[in-house]
Protein backbone atom coordinates (compact mmCIF):
# COMPACT_ATOMS: atom_id res chain seq x y z
CA MET A 1 151.08 178.92 -111.40
CA THR A 2 154.46 177.51 -110.34
CA THR A 3 157.05 180.14 -109.51
CA ASP A 4 160.80 179.93 -110.04
CA THR A 5 161.27 179.74 -106.28
CA GLU A 6 158.95 176.74 -106.01
CA VAL A 7 160.78 174.98 -108.82
CA LYS A 8 164.14 175.58 -107.12
CA GLU A 9 162.79 174.27 -103.81
CA ALA A 10 161.49 171.14 -105.52
CA VAL A 11 164.84 170.49 -107.18
CA VAL A 12 166.67 170.93 -103.88
CA ALA A 13 164.25 168.57 -102.14
CA LEU A 14 164.78 165.88 -104.80
CA PHE A 15 168.56 166.32 -104.61
CA GLU A 16 168.55 165.93 -100.83
CA ARG A 17 166.33 162.87 -101.03
CA ASP A 18 168.24 161.04 -103.75
CA VAL A 19 171.82 162.20 -103.21
CA VAL A 20 172.39 163.79 -99.85
CA HIS A 21 170.26 161.38 -97.82
CA PRO A 22 170.26 158.02 -99.65
CA ALA A 23 170.45 156.27 -96.26
CA GLU A 24 166.75 156.93 -95.81
CA ASP A 25 166.10 154.46 -98.62
CA PHE A 26 168.27 151.52 -97.60
CA GLN A 27 167.65 151.89 -93.86
CA ASN A 28 163.90 151.66 -94.36
CA PRO A 29 162.90 148.28 -92.81
CA ASP A 30 159.76 148.18 -94.93
CA GLN A 31 161.96 147.45 -97.95
CA GLU A 32 163.79 144.47 -96.42
CA TRP A 33 161.60 141.92 -98.17
CA ARG A 34 162.66 143.40 -101.51
CA ARG A 35 166.31 143.13 -100.55
CA LEU A 36 165.94 139.53 -99.44
CA PHE A 37 164.07 138.57 -102.59
CA SER A 38 166.73 140.35 -104.63
CA GLU A 39 169.49 138.28 -103.00
CA LEU A 40 167.58 135.03 -103.48
CA TYR A 41 166.82 135.89 -107.11
CA GLY A 42 170.37 136.93 -107.92
CA THR A 43 171.98 133.95 -106.19
CA PHE A 44 169.61 131.63 -108.04
CA PHE A 45 170.84 132.91 -111.40
CA LEU A 46 174.48 132.89 -110.34
CA VAL A 47 174.33 129.24 -109.27
CA LEU A 48 172.18 128.36 -112.27
CA VAL A 49 175.10 129.36 -114.50
CA ALA A 50 177.96 128.33 -112.21
CA ALA A 51 176.63 124.84 -111.46
CA GLY A 52 174.94 124.55 -114.84
CA GLY A 53 178.27 124.55 -116.69
CA GLY A 54 179.40 121.33 -115.05
CA MET A 55 176.01 119.64 -115.17
CA MET A 56 175.36 120.56 -118.80
CA GLY A 57 178.88 119.45 -119.65
CA GLN A 58 178.13 116.05 -118.12
CA ALA A 59 174.82 115.75 -119.97
CA PHE A 60 176.28 116.93 -123.29
CA PRO A 61 179.95 115.92 -123.46
CA ASN A 62 182.38 118.08 -125.43
CA THR A 63 179.97 121.00 -125.71
CA ILE A 64 181.10 123.28 -122.86
CA SER A 65 184.78 124.03 -122.43
CA ARG A 66 186.36 124.78 -119.05
CA THR A 67 186.98 128.35 -120.18
CA ALA A 68 183.30 128.83 -121.00
CA ALA A 69 182.25 127.24 -117.71
CA VAL A 70 184.37 129.62 -115.61
CA VAL A 71 183.74 132.77 -117.64
CA ALA A 72 179.95 132.36 -117.62
CA PRO A 73 179.53 133.07 -113.86
CA GLY A 74 181.57 136.25 -114.22
CA LEU A 75 179.32 137.47 -117.01
CA MET A 76 176.24 136.54 -114.99
CA VAL A 77 177.47 138.44 -111.93
CA MET A 78 178.14 141.44 -114.14
CA GLY A 79 174.54 141.40 -115.29
CA ILE A 80 173.17 140.80 -111.80
CA ILE A 81 175.01 143.77 -110.31
CA LEU A 82 173.64 145.99 -113.04
CA PHE A 83 170.03 144.91 -112.65
CA MET A 84 169.76 144.48 -108.86
CA GLY A 85 172.83 146.02 -107.23
CA LYS A 86 170.86 149.09 -106.26
CA ILE A 87 168.25 146.98 -104.49
CA SER A 88 170.31 144.83 -102.12
CA GLY A 89 173.96 145.51 -102.91
CA ALA A 90 174.16 142.26 -104.93
CA HIS A 91 176.16 140.28 -102.37
CA LEU A 92 175.13 136.82 -103.68
CA ASN A 93 177.68 135.32 -101.31
CA PRO A 94 177.77 134.85 -97.50
CA ALA A 95 181.47 135.74 -97.46
CA VAL A 96 180.68 139.10 -99.08
CA SER A 97 177.86 139.84 -96.64
CA ILE A 98 180.15 139.09 -93.70
CA ALA A 99 182.96 141.17 -95.22
CA PHE A 100 180.67 144.19 -95.64
CA ALA A 101 179.56 143.77 -92.01
CA LEU A 102 183.16 143.54 -90.78
CA ARG A 103 183.87 146.67 -92.80
CA ARG A 104 180.95 148.39 -90.99
CA ASP A 105 179.24 149.06 -94.30
CA PHE A 106 176.41 146.60 -93.56
CA PRO A 107 174.50 146.02 -90.29
CA TRP A 108 175.18 142.66 -88.62
CA ARG A 109 171.49 142.19 -87.81
CA ARG A 110 170.76 141.81 -91.53
CA VAL A 111 173.53 139.30 -92.25
CA PRO A 112 171.61 136.13 -91.17
CA GLY A 113 168.68 136.95 -93.46
CA TYR A 114 170.96 137.55 -96.42
CA ILE A 115 172.83 134.28 -95.85
CA VAL A 116 169.62 132.25 -95.51
CA VAL A 117 168.12 133.52 -98.76
CA GLN A 118 171.46 133.09 -100.57
CA LEU A 119 171.51 129.43 -99.52
CA ILE A 120 167.89 129.03 -100.57
CA GLY A 121 168.52 130.61 -103.97
CA ALA A 122 171.51 128.33 -104.56
CA THR A 123 169.49 125.27 -103.59
CA LEU A 124 166.59 126.19 -105.85
CA ALA A 125 168.99 126.59 -108.78
CA ALA A 126 170.50 123.16 -108.13
CA LEU A 127 167.03 121.62 -107.86
CA PHE A 128 166.01 123.21 -111.15
CA LEU A 129 169.13 121.94 -112.90
CA LYS A 130 168.68 118.43 -111.47
CA ALA A 131 165.07 118.32 -112.68
CA VAL A 132 165.79 119.67 -116.17
CA VAL A 133 169.27 118.38 -117.00
CA ASP A 134 168.73 115.09 -115.14
CA VAL A 135 172.30 114.52 -113.95
CA SER A 136 173.62 114.55 -110.40
CA ALA A 137 174.04 118.03 -108.94
CA THR A 138 177.48 116.94 -107.74
CA TYR A 139 178.73 117.60 -111.29
CA GLY A 140 177.91 121.25 -110.68
CA SER A 141 179.59 121.48 -107.28
CA ASN A 142 183.18 122.07 -106.21
CA TYR A 143 185.65 119.53 -104.86
CA PRO A 144 189.44 119.47 -104.52
CA ALA A 145 191.05 118.09 -107.67
CA SER A 146 192.27 114.51 -107.69
CA GLY A 147 195.76 114.38 -106.29
CA PHE A 148 195.35 117.62 -104.32
CA SER A 149 194.63 117.81 -100.61
CA ASN A 150 191.84 119.64 -98.85
CA GLY A 151 194.52 121.96 -97.51
CA ALA A 152 195.66 122.92 -101.00
CA ALA A 153 192.08 123.60 -102.05
CA PHE A 154 191.51 125.62 -98.87
CA TRP A 155 194.44 127.92 -99.58
CA MET A 156 193.37 128.32 -103.19
CA GLU A 157 189.85 129.30 -102.13
CA ALA A 158 191.23 131.67 -99.50
CA ILE A 159 193.55 133.51 -101.89
CA LEU A 160 190.97 133.69 -104.67
CA THR A 161 188.36 135.08 -102.26
CA LEU A 162 190.90 137.56 -100.92
CA GLY A 163 191.15 139.00 -104.42
CA LEU A 164 187.40 138.89 -105.04
CA VAL A 165 186.43 140.67 -101.84
CA SER A 166 189.24 143.19 -102.32
CA VAL A 167 187.79 144.09 -105.71
CA ILE A 168 184.28 144.31 -104.26
CA LEU A 169 185.28 146.49 -101.31
CA GLY A 170 187.47 148.64 -103.54
CA THR A 171 184.77 149.42 -106.05
CA ALA A 172 182.25 149.86 -103.22
CA SER A 173 184.41 152.53 -101.64
CA GLY A 174 183.14 154.99 -104.23
CA ALA A 175 179.63 153.58 -104.49
CA GLN A 176 180.73 152.14 -107.82
CA ASN A 177 179.40 148.68 -107.00
CA ILE A 178 176.02 150.11 -107.95
CA GLY A 179 176.83 150.57 -111.59
CA ILE A 180 178.95 149.57 -114.51
CA ILE A 181 182.40 150.00 -112.90
CA GLY A 182 181.69 147.57 -110.07
CA ALA A 183 179.92 145.17 -112.43
CA ILE A 184 182.85 145.03 -114.83
CA GLY A 185 185.47 144.79 -112.08
CA VAL A 186 183.77 142.02 -110.10
CA GLY A 187 182.60 140.06 -113.14
CA ALA A 188 186.02 140.21 -114.77
CA TYR A 189 187.76 139.08 -111.60
CA ILE A 190 185.46 136.05 -111.21
CA ALA A 191 186.15 135.00 -114.79
CA LEU A 192 189.90 135.50 -114.45
CA ALA A 193 190.12 133.71 -111.10
CA GLY A 194 188.19 130.77 -112.51
CA MET A 195 190.44 130.49 -115.55
CA TRP A 196 193.61 129.93 -113.50
CA GLY A 197 192.33 128.73 -110.11
CA SER A 198 189.50 126.38 -110.94
CA PRO A 199 191.58 123.26 -111.75
CA ILE A 200 192.56 122.85 -108.07
CA SER A 201 189.48 123.92 -106.10
CA GLY A 202 186.81 124.86 -108.63
CA ALA A 203 187.18 128.56 -107.78
CA SER A 204 183.94 128.71 -105.83
CA MET A 205 184.82 131.69 -103.58
CA ASN A 206 181.25 131.39 -102.32
CA PRO A 207 179.84 129.04 -99.63
CA ALA A 208 176.32 129.38 -101.06
CA ARG A 209 177.42 128.52 -104.61
CA THR A 210 178.81 125.17 -103.37
CA PHE A 211 176.11 124.53 -100.77
CA GLY A 212 173.21 124.27 -103.23
CA PRO A 213 174.68 121.54 -105.47
CA ASP A 214 176.12 119.70 -102.45
CA LEU A 215 172.72 119.62 -100.74
CA VAL A 216 170.83 118.48 -103.83
CA GLY A 217 173.59 116.02 -104.76
CA GLY A 218 173.80 114.70 -101.19
CA ASP A 219 177.58 115.01 -101.02
CA PHE A 220 179.21 117.42 -98.58
CA THR A 221 182.65 115.90 -99.01
CA SER A 222 185.23 118.59 -98.27
CA TYR A 223 182.54 121.26 -97.92
CA TRP A 224 184.43 122.78 -95.00
CA VAL A 225 187.00 123.95 -97.56
CA TYR A 226 184.35 126.06 -99.28
CA ILE A 227 183.23 127.66 -96.03
CA ALA A 228 186.56 128.22 -94.33
CA GLY A 229 188.52 129.28 -97.41
CA PRO A 230 186.16 132.08 -98.50
CA LEU A 231 185.63 133.32 -94.94
CA VAL A 232 189.35 133.52 -94.23
CA GLY A 233 189.99 135.24 -97.56
CA ALA A 234 187.16 137.72 -96.93
CA ALA A 235 188.44 138.57 -93.44
CA VAL A 236 191.96 139.22 -94.74
CA ALA A 237 190.50 141.40 -97.52
CA VAL A 238 188.73 143.53 -94.91
CA GLY A 239 192.08 144.01 -93.16
CA GLY A 240 193.63 144.99 -96.48
CA ALA A 241 190.85 147.51 -97.10
CA PHE A 242 191.57 149.10 -93.72
CA LEU A 243 195.26 149.44 -94.58
CA LEU A 244 194.45 150.94 -97.98
CA ARG A 245 191.55 153.23 -97.13
CA GLY A 246 191.13 153.36 -93.37
CA THR A 247 187.91 152.57 -91.54
CA GLY A 248 184.69 151.83 -93.38
CA GLY A 249 181.16 152.82 -92.53
CA GLY A 250 181.06 155.86 -94.79
CA LYS A 251 178.14 156.88 -96.96
CA ALA A 252 179.62 155.62 -100.24
CA GLY A 253 180.56 152.17 -98.99
CA SER A 254 177.32 151.74 -97.07
CA THR A 255 175.24 152.69 -100.10
CA ALA A 256 177.09 150.17 -102.25
CA ALA A 257 176.77 147.42 -99.62
CA GLN A 258 173.14 148.01 -98.72
CA GLY A 259 171.64 149.34 -101.92
CA ALA A 260 169.62 152.50 -102.32
CA ILE A 261 166.01 151.53 -102.83
CA ASP A 262 163.76 154.35 -103.95
CA THR A 263 160.37 152.91 -104.83
CA GLU A 264 158.15 155.75 -103.70
CA VAL A 265 157.85 158.44 -106.35
CA ALA A 266 156.78 161.80 -105.03
CA LYS A 267 153.63 162.99 -106.75
CA PRO A 268 152.70 166.67 -107.00
CA ASP A 269 149.69 167.77 -105.05
CA ALA A 270 146.50 167.71 -107.01
CA PRO A 271 145.38 171.16 -108.16
């Protein structure tokens, strides 16, 4: 018969496992394949919506407005953070992975794997859209607007990414990126940034999001803009986070950046 003392000890053990020591979950290397699949899966759906707006708009003229096309990725990111943020941190973006590493909330050794699967997920989404919608994937990519220079698009991408990564790091500072607050904040920012910034650069803010359609469409014209702009913006955002909140690397930020996988459920000993 279970005593009150045994019940209390069990509760304390669960609390320490799930709250006090969450690092044991996301530092477990045996779970890395889940994190990588999570990033591939999430990036696939992000690019499916982000690139799909332009490609579907080309296939079916006058059916998808610019507002709908830029709001849809924000809504998708909101959903992705809610369903997989706890697994991998829901980076979905090489600039975000690098920013978390610069902030010391994410180990550098895991950054290459995250970036590779993000690029793969984006490419698979573009391939799917090309096969189903049957228009060039370039319609789903990002390029500087006619009449605007690569430099103008670069600065737009940099400033938009500065805001995006600031929102991500800010909500992650309280482990809120794993949950509804981070989902709403990040998703809303992506939609808002797209509504005012997309006419000049497309408001990619994500090297992977542009890479997939460019690779499938065979057109890397001005792609450097969509690497350099987000990386510069992300680096400046990390500096801003230091000025606002000091050094990173704490438990809350690390949990938000790396996830908190807990797949093994403790089972009571058989009687």
